[in-house]
Protein backbone atom coordinates (compact mmCIF):
# COMPACT_ATOMS: atom_id res chain seq x y z
CA MET A 1 47.37 59.42 -23.03
CA ARG A 2 43.54 59.72 -22.39
CA LYS A 3 42.88 57.55 -25.45
CA VAL A 4 45.34 54.89 -24.19
CA PHE A 5 43.65 54.93 -20.74
CA LYS A 6 40.26 54.38 -22.41
CA VAL A 7 41.69 51.41 -24.36
CA ILE A 8 43.07 49.93 -21.14
CA ILE A 9 39.75 50.39 -19.34
CA PHE A 10 37.84 48.81 -22.25
CA SER A 11 40.29 45.87 -22.29
CA LEU A 12 39.87 45.28 -18.57
CA MET A 13 36.07 45.35 -19.00
CA LEU A 14 36.31 42.77 -21.68
CA VAL A 15 38.53 40.54 -19.54
CA ALA A 16 36.17 40.95 -16.61
CA LEU A 17 33.20 40.23 -18.74
CA GLY A 18 34.86 37.12 -20.22
CA THR A 19 35.69 35.93 -16.67
CA PHE A 20 32.17 36.52 -15.43
CA CYS A 21 30.63 34.81 -18.42
CA GLY A 22 32.95 31.84 -17.94
CA GLN A 23 31.70 31.54 -14.42
CA ALA A 24 28.06 32.14 -15.35
CA PHE A 25 28.10 29.48 -17.98
CA ALA A 26 30.32 26.94 -16.14
CA ALA A 27 28.59 24.13 -17.88
CA PHE A 28 26.95 20.99 -16.59
CA ASP A 29 25.39 18.92 -19.34
CA LEU A 30 23.79 15.60 -19.80
CA SER A 31 23.24 13.85 -23.16
CA TYR A 32 22.21 10.38 -24.21
CA MET A 33 22.47 8.06 -27.18
CA LEU A 34 20.53 4.84 -27.84
CA ASP A 35 22.76 1.94 -28.65
CA GLU A 36 20.64 1.12 -31.64
CA GLY A 37 20.09 4.73 -32.73
CA GLY A 38 17.04 6.91 -32.63
CA SER A 39 15.88 9.33 -29.87
CA ARG A 40 13.20 7.38 -28.13
CA LEU A 41 12.85 4.00 -26.39
CA GLU A 42 10.72 1.63 -28.58
CA PHE A 43 9.84 -1.94 -27.63
CA ASP A 44 8.04 -4.42 -29.73
CA ARG A 45 7.76 -8.18 -30.39
CA ILE A 46 11.33 -8.34 -31.82
CA ASN A 47 13.15 -6.20 -29.16
CA PHE A 48 11.99 -5.92 -25.52
CA SER A 49 15.38 -4.60 -24.36
CA ARG A 50 17.18 -1.38 -25.30
CA GLY A 51 20.45 0.11 -24.07
CA ILE A 52 21.06 3.88 -23.59
CA THR A 53 24.49 5.40 -22.96
CA PHE A 54 24.39 8.68 -20.94
CA SER A 55 27.29 11.20 -20.98
CA THR A 56 27.91 14.04 -18.64
CA LEU A 57 29.86 17.29 -19.04
CA ASN A 58 31.39 19.44 -16.22
CA ASP A 59 33.90 22.07 -17.06
CA THR A 60 34.60 23.09 -13.45
CA VAL A 61 36.43 20.87 -11.04
CA ASN A 62 35.14 20.05 -7.51
CA ASN A 63 31.57 20.54 -8.58
CA ARG A 64 29.81 17.26 -7.65
CA TYR A 65 26.57 16.22 -9.27
CA GLU A 66 24.01 13.36 -9.16
CA ILE A 67 21.62 11.97 -11.72
CA ARG A 68 18.07 10.92 -10.86
CA GLN A 69 15.43 9.13 -12.84
CA ARG A 70 11.76 10.31 -12.89
CA ILE A 71 8.60 8.86 -14.36
CA GLU A 72 6.97 11.84 -16.16
CA THR A 73 4.09 9.77 -17.53
CA PRO A 74 3.32 6.09 -16.73
CA LEU A 75 3.15 3.75 -19.69
CA ARG A 76 -0.59 3.75 -20.52
CA SER A 77 -2.60 1.93 -23.10
CA ARG A 78 -3.66 4.17 -25.94
CA ASP A 79 -7.04 2.44 -26.25
CA ASN A 80 -7.71 1.91 -22.52
CA PRO A 81 -5.77 4.50 -20.40
CA SER A 82 -6.76 2.67 -17.18
CA VAL A 83 -4.45 -0.19 -18.20
CA THR A 84 -0.78 0.55 -17.51
CA ILE A 85 2.53 -1.26 -17.64
CA GLY A 86 3.81 -1.06 -14.11
CA ASN A 87 6.62 -3.20 -12.65
CA ASN A 88 7.05 -4.93 -16.04
CA PHE A 89 9.00 -1.74 -17.22
CA VAL A 90 12.46 -2.45 -15.86
CA VAL A 91 15.99 -1.05 -15.93
CA ARG A 92 19.44 -2.49 -15.07
CA GLY A 93 22.85 -0.94 -14.96
CA PHE A 94 25.76 -2.09 -17.21
CA ARG A 95 28.67 -2.46 -14.76
CA GLY A 96 32.03 -1.18 -15.95
CA SER A 97 30.43 1.38 -18.38
CA ASN A 98 31.23 4.19 -16.00
CA LYS A 99 34.81 5.20 -15.10
CA TYR A 100 34.71 7.71 -12.17
CA GLY A 101 31.54 7.93 -10.31
CA ASP A 102 29.09 5.49 -8.60
CA LEU A 103 26.47 3.84 -10.79
CA ARG A 104 23.74 2.92 -8.30
CA ILE A 105 21.46 0.76 -10.53
CA PRO A 106 22.15 -2.97 -9.95
CA THR A 107 23.02 -5.34 -12.80
CA GLY A 108 19.69 -7.23 -12.32
CA ASP A 109 16.38 -5.94 -13.54
CA ILE A 110 14.47 -3.66 -11.19
CA ALA A 111 11.23 -1.82 -11.84
CA VAL A 112 11.57 1.74 -13.22
CA ARG A 113 10.74 3.89 -10.21
CA ASN A 114 10.09 7.58 -9.70
CA ASP A 115 12.83 9.72 -8.20
CA GLU A 116 15.31 6.89 -8.35
CA LEU A 117 19.02 7.87 -7.70
CA ILE A 118 20.89 6.55 -10.72
CA TYR A 119 24.38 7.96 -10.48
CA VAL A 120 26.57 9.98 -8.02
CA SER A 121 29.82 11.61 -9.39
CA ASN A 122 33.16 11.50 -7.67
CA PRO A 123 34.02 14.41 -5.40
CA ALA A 124 35.74 16.20 -8.24
CA GLY A 125 32.61 16.05 -10.35
CA THR A 126 34.52 14.48 -13.22
CA ALA A 127 32.67 14.10 -16.50
CA ASP A 128 31.69 10.55 -17.09
CA SER A 129 29.45 8.16 -19.03
CA PHE A 130 27.45 5.01 -18.20
CA THR A 131 25.00 2.60 -19.81
CA LEU A 132 21.50 1.62 -18.69
CA VAL A 133 19.50 -1.17 -20.27
CA TYR A 134 15.68 -0.65 -20.25
CA GLY A 135 13.30 -3.49 -20.99
CA ILE A 136 9.87 -5.00 -20.76
CA THR A 137 9.66 -8.27 -18.79
CA ASN A 138 6.94 -10.94 -18.77
CA SER A 139 5.19 -9.37 -21.68
CA GLN A 140 2.73 -12.27 -21.66
CA GLU A 141 1.24 -10.69 -18.47
CA ILE A 142 0.50 -7.41 -20.27
CA ALA A 143 -2.71 -6.80 -22.09
CA PRO A 144 -1.86 -6.46 -25.89
CA GLY A 145 -1.98 -2.98 -27.24
CA TYR A 146 -0.02 0.13 -27.85
CA TYR A 147 1.44 1.95 -24.74
CA THR A 148 3.11 5.30 -24.44
CA GLY A 149 4.82 7.15 -21.63
CA ARG A 150 7.80 9.30 -20.72
CA ILE A 151 10.73 9.09 -18.35
CA SER A 152 13.41 11.66 -17.66
CA LEU A 153 16.96 11.67 -16.24
CA ILE A 154 17.85 14.82 -14.41
CA LEU A 155 21.46 15.91 -13.62
CA ASN A 156 21.39 17.88 -10.34
CA PRO A 157 24.47 19.88 -9.39
CA VAL A 158 25.42 19.23 -5.75
CA SER A 159 28.26 21.66 -5.17
CA SER A 160 27.18 24.40 -7.52
CA SER A 161 24.33 26.79 -7.93
CA ALA A 162 23.98 25.79 -11.62
CA MET A 163 20.53 24.79 -12.81
CA PRO A 164 19.59 21.06 -13.22
CA VAL A 165 19.74 19.56 -16.67
CA ASN A 166 16.69 17.52 -17.68
CA ASN A 167 16.54 14.91 -20.54
CA ILE A 168 13.03 13.63 -21.34
CA ILE A 169 12.83 10.36 -23.14
CA GLU A 170 9.69 9.17 -24.92
CA VAL A 171 8.78 5.47 -24.48
CA TYR A 172 6.68 3.42 -26.84
CA VAL A 173 5.73 -0.20 -26.26
CA ASN A 174 3.84 -2.47 -28.70
CA ILE A 175 2.56 -5.60 -27.06
CA PRO A 176 1.51 -7.88 -29.95
CA ASN A 177 -2.00 -9.17 -30.17
CA ASP A 178 -2.52 -12.88 -30.77
CA GLY A 179 -6.20 -12.47 -31.44
CA GLY A 180 -7.70 -12.66 -27.93
CA SER A 181 -7.45 -9.07 -26.78
CA LEU A 182 -9.59 -7.80 -29.67
CA SER A 183 -12.39 -10.17 -28.34
CA VAL A 184 -12.13 -9.68 -24.56
CA THR A 185 -10.67 -6.90 -22.40
CA VAL A 186 -10.48 -6.65 -18.60
CA ALA A 187 -9.94 -3.28 -16.88
CA PRO A 188 -10.49 -1.87 -13.40
CA ALA A 189 -13.85 -0.22 -12.85
CA GLU A 190 -14.51 3.55 -12.54
CA GLY A 191 -11.33 4.64 -14.28
CA ALA A 192 -8.97 3.27 -11.67
CA SER A 193 -5.49 2.17 -12.64
CA SER A 194 -5.56 -0.96 -10.55
CA ILE A 195 -7.86 -3.08 -8.32
CA ILE A 196 -7.77 -1.38 -4.95
CA LEU A 197 -9.57 -2.57 -1.89
CA ASN A 198 -9.67 -0.30 1.26
CA PRO A 199 -11.83 -1.98 3.95
CA SER A 200 -11.63 0.97 6.41
CA GLU A 201 -13.51 3.13 3.90
CA ASP A 202 -16.39 0.66 3.68
CA ASN A 203 -19.23 0.73 6.27
CA ASP A 204 -19.43 -3.06 6.41
CA LEU A 205 -15.66 -3.48 6.63
CA ARG A 206 -15.55 -5.88 3.74
CA GLY A 207 -14.02 -3.59 1.27
CA ALA A 208 -14.69 -4.09 -2.42
CA ALA A 209 -13.32 -3.40 -5.81
CA ASN A 210 -14.48 -4.26 -9.36
CA ALA A 211 -13.01 -5.22 -12.63
CA VAL A 212 -15.10 -4.97 -15.78
CA VAL A 213 -14.86 -7.61 -18.52
CA THR A 214 -15.91 -6.45 -22.02
CA ILE A 215 -16.58 -8.83 -24.81
CA ASN A 216 -16.06 -6.92 -28.06
CA SER A 217 -16.87 -9.50 -30.71
CA SER A 218 -18.79 -12.70 -31.36
CA PHE A 219 -17.45 -16.25 -30.95
CA ASN A 220 -18.45 -19.17 -33.07
CA GLY A 221 -18.16 -21.62 -30.22
CA PRO A 222 -17.90 -21.79 -26.46
CA PHE A 223 -15.19 -19.98 -24.57
CA ARG A 224 -14.14 -19.44 -20.94
CA ILE A 225 -12.62 -16.52 -19.11
CA MET A 226 -10.23 -17.53 -16.31
CA GLN A 227 -7.99 -15.82 -13.66
CA MET A 228 -5.14 -16.68 -11.31
CA LEU A 229 -2.84 -15.05 -8.79
CA PRO A 230 0.69 -15.52 -10.11
CA GLY A 231 2.26 -14.56 -6.81
CA PRO A 232 1.30 -14.10 -3.13
CA ILE A 233 -0.51 -11.07 -1.80
CA GLN A 234 2.22 -9.56 0.40
CA SER A 235 2.88 -6.36 2.29
CA GLN A 236 6.13 -4.39 2.51
CA GLU A 237 6.59 -5.82 6.01
CA GLY A 238 6.46 -9.33 4.72
CA LYS A 239 2.94 -10.19 5.86
CA PHE A 240 0.72 -12.30 3.62
CA ILE A 241 -2.97 -12.43 2.87
CA ASP A 242 -4.32 -15.99 2.85
CA ASN A 243 -6.00 -16.72 -0.45
CA GLY A 244 -9.11 -17.83 1.50
CA ASN A 245 -9.55 -14.23 2.72
CA PHE A 246 -9.57 -12.76 -0.83
CA LEU A 247 -12.79 -13.45 -2.62
CA PHE A 248 -14.38 -12.77 -5.97
CA SER A 249 -17.81 -13.14 -7.54
CA VAL A 250 -19.61 -12.30 -10.86
CA PRO A 251 -23.00 -10.99 -9.71
CA ASP A 252 -24.47 -9.51 -12.99
CA ALA A 253 -23.90 -12.20 -15.69
CA GLN A 254 -27.14 -13.08 -17.53
CA LYS A 255 -26.35 -15.23 -20.57
CA GLY A 256 -23.26 -17.19 -19.55
CA VAL A 257 -22.43 -19.29 -16.49
CA ALA A 258 -20.54 -17.32 -13.82
CA ILE A 259 -19.33 -17.75 -10.29
CA ASN A 260 -21.97 -15.67 -8.53
CA GLN A 261 -21.11 -16.54 -4.93
CA PRO A 262 -18.07 -15.16 -3.09
CA THR A 263 -15.29 -17.63 -3.87
CA PRO A 264 -11.56 -17.54 -2.86
CA VAL A 265 -9.12 -16.39 -5.58
CA THR A 266 -6.41 -19.09 -5.96
CA SER A 267 -2.95 -19.34 -7.41
CA ASN A 268 -4.28 -21.97 -9.86
CA ILE A 269 -6.09 -21.09 -13.12
CA GLN A 270 -9.81 -20.92 -12.23
CA THR A 271 -12.79 -20.42 -14.56
CA ILE A 272 -14.84 -17.37 -13.66
CA TYR A 273 -17.14 -17.25 -16.69
CA SER A 274 -18.26 -19.63 -19.46
CA SER A 275 -20.28 -18.63 -22.56
CA ARG A 276 -23.19 -20.64 -23.85
CA PRO A 277 -22.39 -23.66 -26.10
CA ASP A 278 -22.96 -21.59 -29.24
CA GLY A 279 -20.61 -18.87 -28.07
CA SER A 280 -23.29 -16.35 -27.14
CA ALA A 281 -22.35 -14.38 -23.99
CA ASP A 282 -22.92 -11.14 -22.02
CA LYS A 283 -21.46 -8.07 -23.74
CA ALA A 284 -19.89 -7.10 -20.36
CA PHE A 285 -19.98 -8.23 -16.77
CA THR A 286 -18.36 -7.19 -13.46
CA ILE A 287 -15.93 -9.18 -11.29
CA THR A 288 -16.32 -8.08 -7.67
CA TYR A 289 -13.42 -8.61 -5.34
CA SER A 290 -13.73 -8.42 -1.53
CA LEU A 291 -12.34 -9.66 1.81
CA SER A 292 -13.97 -12.39 3.83
CA ASP A 293 -12.53 -11.30 7.18
CA PRO A 294 -11.00 -7.86 7.17
CA LEU A 295 -10.60 -7.74 10.97
CA SER A 296 -8.11 -10.66 10.75
CA LEU A 297 -5.92 -8.69 8.26
CA VAL A 298 -2.82 -7.06 9.82
CA ALA A 299 -2.53 -3.40 8.99
CA GLY A 300 -0.39 -2.63 5.89
CA ASN A 301 -0.40 -2.12 2.15
CA TYR A 302 -0.57 -5.45 0.31
CA ARG A 303 0.21 -5.91 -3.37
CA SER A 304 -0.03 -8.58 -6.00
CA ARG A 305 -1.31 -9.07 -9.58
CA ILE A 306 -4.30 -10.92 -11.10
CA GLN A 307 -3.70 -12.65 -14.40
CA TYR A 308 -6.59 -13.10 -16.80
CA LEU A 309 -6.83 -15.76 -19.62
CA LEU A 310 -9.20 -16.63 -22.44
CA GLU A 311 -9.69 -20.16 -23.59
CA SER A 312 -11.30 -20.67 -26.97
CA ALA A 313 -11.21 -23.36 -29.62
CA GLY A 314 -8.68 -25.29 -27.50
CA LYS A 315 -6.32 -22.32 -27.42
CA GLN A 316 -5.40 -20.34 -24.26
CA ILE A 317 -4.88 -16.64 -24.85
CA ASN A 318 -3.32 -14.15 -22.37
CA LEU A 319 -5.65 -11.18 -21.60
CA GLY A 320 -3.07 -9.35 -19.50
CA ALA A 321 -2.83 -8.76 -15.73
CA LEU A 322 -4.14 -6.09 -13.40
CA ASP A 323 -2.24 -4.71 -10.31
CA LEU A 324 -3.96 -5.55 -7.02
CA GLU A 325 -3.63 -3.47 -3.92
CA ILE A 326 -5.25 -3.92 -0.52
CA ARG A 327 -4.86 -1.02 1.91
CA GLN A 328 -5.58 -2.01 5.52
CA GLU A 329 -5.53 0.99 7.76
CA ARG A 330 -4.21 0.74 11.31
CA THR A 331 -6.87 -0.06 13.93
CA PHE A 332 -6.07 -0.02 17.64
CA GLU A 333 -9.03 0.97 19.88
CA ILE A 334 -10.76 0.02 23.05
CA SER A 335 -14.56 0.37 23.77
CA ILE A 336 -16.39 0.05 27.02
CA SER A 337 -20.01 -0.96 27.38
CA PRO A 338 -22.08 0.66 28.76
CA GLN A 339 -20.29 3.78 27.64
CA ASP A 340 -21.10 5.77 30.80
CA GLN A 341 -18.95 3.24 32.72
CA ARG A 342 -15.73 4.48 31.14
CA TYR A 343 -14.95 7.02 33.94
CA SER A 344 -17.09 5.86 36.84
CA ILE A 345 -18.59 2.82 38.51
CA ASP A 346 -21.92 3.81 40.13
CA PHE A 347 -24.06 2.17 42.76
CA ALA A 348 -27.25 4.11 43.42
CA ASN A 349 -29.49 4.18 46.51
CA LEU A 350 -27.24 1.94 48.66
CA LYS A 351 -28.55 0.85 52.11
CA PRO A 352 -26.90 -1.23 54.78
CA SER A 353 -29.53 -3.92 54.33
CA ASP A 354 -28.92 -4.41 50.71
CA GLY A 355 -27.47 -7.72 49.43
CA PRO A 356 -24.44 -7.89 47.09
CA ARG A 357 -24.63 -5.40 44.22
CA LEU A 358 -23.04 -6.13 40.89
CA ASN A 359 -21.84 -3.79 38.17
CA GLU A 360 -20.75 -5.35 34.88
CA VAL A 361 -18.50 -3.77 32.23
CA LEU A 362 -17.85 -5.29 28.78
CA ILE A 363 -14.46 -4.37 27.30
CA GLU A 364 -13.85 -4.89 23.60
CA VAL A 365 -10.53 -4.35 21.79
CA LYS A 366 -10.24 -3.94 17.97
CA SER A 367 -6.70 -4.31 16.75
CA ASN A 368 -5.08 -5.30 13.49
CA LEU A 369 -1.41 -4.50 14.35
CA GLY A 370 -0.44 -8.21 14.58
CA ARG A 371 1.29 -7.52 17.87
CA PRO A 372 0.29 -8.43 21.45
CA TYR A 373 -1.34 -5.82 23.72
CA GLN A 374 -2.67 -5.48 27.31
CA VAL A 375 -5.53 -3.73 29.03
CA THR A 376 -5.01 -2.07 32.44
CA GLN A 377 -7.38 -0.50 34.93
CA ASN A 378 -6.60 2.66 36.79
CA VAL A 379 -8.83 3.40 39.84
CA LEU A 380 -8.63 7.13 40.59
CA SER A 381 -10.73 7.22 43.70
CA GLU A 382 -12.35 4.89 46.25
CA LEU A 383 -16.14 4.29 46.34
CA VAL A 384 -17.36 7.56 47.80
CA SER A 385 -20.81 9.22 48.19
CA SER A 386 -21.74 12.74 47.40
CA ASP A 387 -21.40 13.47 51.12
CA GLY A 388 -17.74 12.16 51.13
CA GLU A 389 -18.56 8.88 52.89
CA LYS A 390 -16.15 6.09 51.72
CA ILE A 391 -16.56 2.36 51.44
CA LEU A 392 -13.43 0.46 52.27
CA SER A 393 -11.81 -1.64 49.47
CA GLN A 394 -12.37 -4.84 51.44
CA TYR A 395 -16.03 -4.69 50.63
CA PHE A 396 -15.49 -3.83 46.93
CA SER A 397 -14.03 -6.47 44.52
CA LEU A 398 -13.51 -7.20 40.87
CA GLN A 399 -13.05 -10.29 38.69
CA THR A 400 -12.51 -10.76 34.95
CA LEU A 401 -14.65 -13.25 32.93
CA ALA A 402 -14.45 -14.61 29.37
CA VAL A 403 -17.03 -13.69 26.76
CA ASN A 404 -17.90 -16.44 24.22
CA GLU A 405 -14.45 -17.36 22.83
CA THR A 406 -12.07 -14.90 24.49
CA LYS A 407 -8.69 -15.65 23.03
CA GLY A 408 -6.39 -13.77 25.36
CA ASN A 409 -5.32 -14.32 29.00
CA LEU A 410 -7.58 -13.03 31.77
CA LYS A 411 -5.37 -11.85 34.62
CA ILE A 412 -7.88 -11.74 37.49
CA SER A 413 -9.67 -15.02 37.53
CA ASN A 414 -10.49 -14.76 41.30
CA LYS A 415 -11.96 -11.72 43.13
CA ILE A 416 -9.53 -9.06 44.36
CA PRO A 417 -10.19 -5.79 46.15
CA VAL A 418 -10.63 -2.73 44.04
CA GLU A 419 -7.89 -0.41 45.18
CA LYS A 420 -6.58 2.87 43.95
CA GLY A 421 -3.93 2.67 41.21
CA ASN A 422 -3.21 0.42 38.27
CA VAL A 423 -3.98 -3.25 37.84
CA LEU A 424 -3.43 -5.52 34.77
CA LEU A 425 -6.72 -6.99 33.60
CA PHE A 426 -5.93 -8.70 30.33
CA VAL A 427 -3.15 -9.75 27.93
CA SER A 428 -3.96 -10.66 24.27
CA ASP A 429 -2.79 -13.72 22.44
CA THR A 430 0.60 -13.56 20.70
CA ASN A 431 -1.06 -12.51 17.42
CA GLY A 432 -2.74 -9.45 19.05
CA SER A 433 -6.15 -10.69 17.92
CA ALA A 434 -9.25 -8.49 18.43
CA ASP A 435 -10.94 -9.70 21.65
CA LYS A 436 -13.40 -8.95 24.38
CA PHE A 437 -13.99 -9.81 28.05
CA LYS A 438 -16.10 -8.72 31.08
CA VAL A 439 -15.03 -7.10 34.34
CA ILE A 440 -17.54 -7.83 37.17
CA TYR A 441 -17.52 -5.40 40.14
CA GLU A 442 -19.14 -6.67 43.30
CA LEU A 443 -20.06 -4.59 46.38
CA ILE A 444 -20.91 -6.06 49.78
CA CYS A 445 -22.67 -3.39 51.72
CA PRO A 446 -21.10 -2.96 55.18
CA THR A 447 -23.53 -2.90 58.18
CA ASP A 448 -22.43 0.64 59.12
CA LEU A 449 -23.01 1.96 55.60
CA LYS A 450 -24.60 5.36 55.33
CA ALA A 451 -27.30 5.24 52.67
CA GLY A 452 -26.68 7.11 49.44
CA ASN A 453 -25.27 7.02 45.95
CA TYR A 454 -21.65 5.81 45.71
CA SER A 455 -19.25 5.96 42.82
CA SER A 456 -15.63 5.36 41.97
CA ARG A 457 -13.67 7.08 39.16
CA ILE A 458 -11.95 4.59 36.85
CA THR A 459 -10.25 4.44 33.39
CA TYR A 460 -9.08 1.60 31.14
CA THR A 461 -5.92 1.73 29.04
CA LEU A 462 -4.94 -0.20 25.93
CA THR A 463 -1.18 -0.60 25.39
CA GLU A 464 1.00 -2.50 22.89
CA ILE A 465 3.48 -4.89 24.48
């Protein structure tokens, strides 16, 4: 009987263990298969588009899951790691390839982005499959060379404590060389991945960034290096930078002929450097990019690309394109001159016999928000002496005056009494342009004035409208 009992206990333990293991290893899985075979994405002159079918496995019902795409390593040039394939690496979804869940990738090409939600299962977490098509677009904009990188697709369980499943896919891109890239290369300076201007970090507010052009071999005849902006310089908020505000120059060329004065970058092809007639040229030179008027630039992150071309022996050769980014930090501040007038208006050594006394305050606003604003004055106390003697507001007035080319609207064009409380002094133009103006305070000394030093506490407030 004891032996039978042991057998029963052992059998129950096996059943329990089997049940536990079944729960512990309730499987989520994600696998993929390239439509043309192989295990990695490879793009070349013949094929700049490859399809991948992904399949999921879930052996437990009501365990929802999602699939996200991650950029593990950007596509970088093997010979020049500062050169990358950015938004030219794209993906699109193949509608109808999935049966149960929601394939979130549109049918049109979009740039491969990090932490992109690709797929969401149905509530039951049913196993499914779907197809994505990865590709390289506008390869003529990309500097020839060999690029490598990695992406991954990660299955994340939503209704389960199971671990995520990660599939890493190697990506190889071979941009064919037509002869020009071996002769001339263009890359951002100082190891950057793109041309980045950040005016707020520059003491003179111009902001600057450099690209380095390297000439790797000799030419038998004259050649030119050219550039253009294929598209506008635009922020995420839909603001644009006028081409006249984005400048370039080549300050260090010695042998060739270069544009050495700040010149607007245009959307048309423009020559930036020309060799000598016999083809001799500088081994390398720098293109400096800057802004002509940073204060007029509305705050935001602006992006575009700069395309480079080589013209030699009557043939135009693509040298690739560099990403351009202009980071304009938010500026919204008011300054008062002289500074000690920010919290008080002082009239020293007043006597009843004094004529009119003036006190002038310059108010300057720096703003790049692109929205209108206003300046108000708050008088916290009347004109009072250290002995507590007050001057009535009827003897103390203020008036706003323009300075040079004040753009906004002065609200007090005629003298008014300075009284406790708030009063609107100025409203900017509709663009919220940086501006400045004066406030003139005038005191008429009353005949019964008790001599002394008088002051009034006052503040100025800058507010968006």
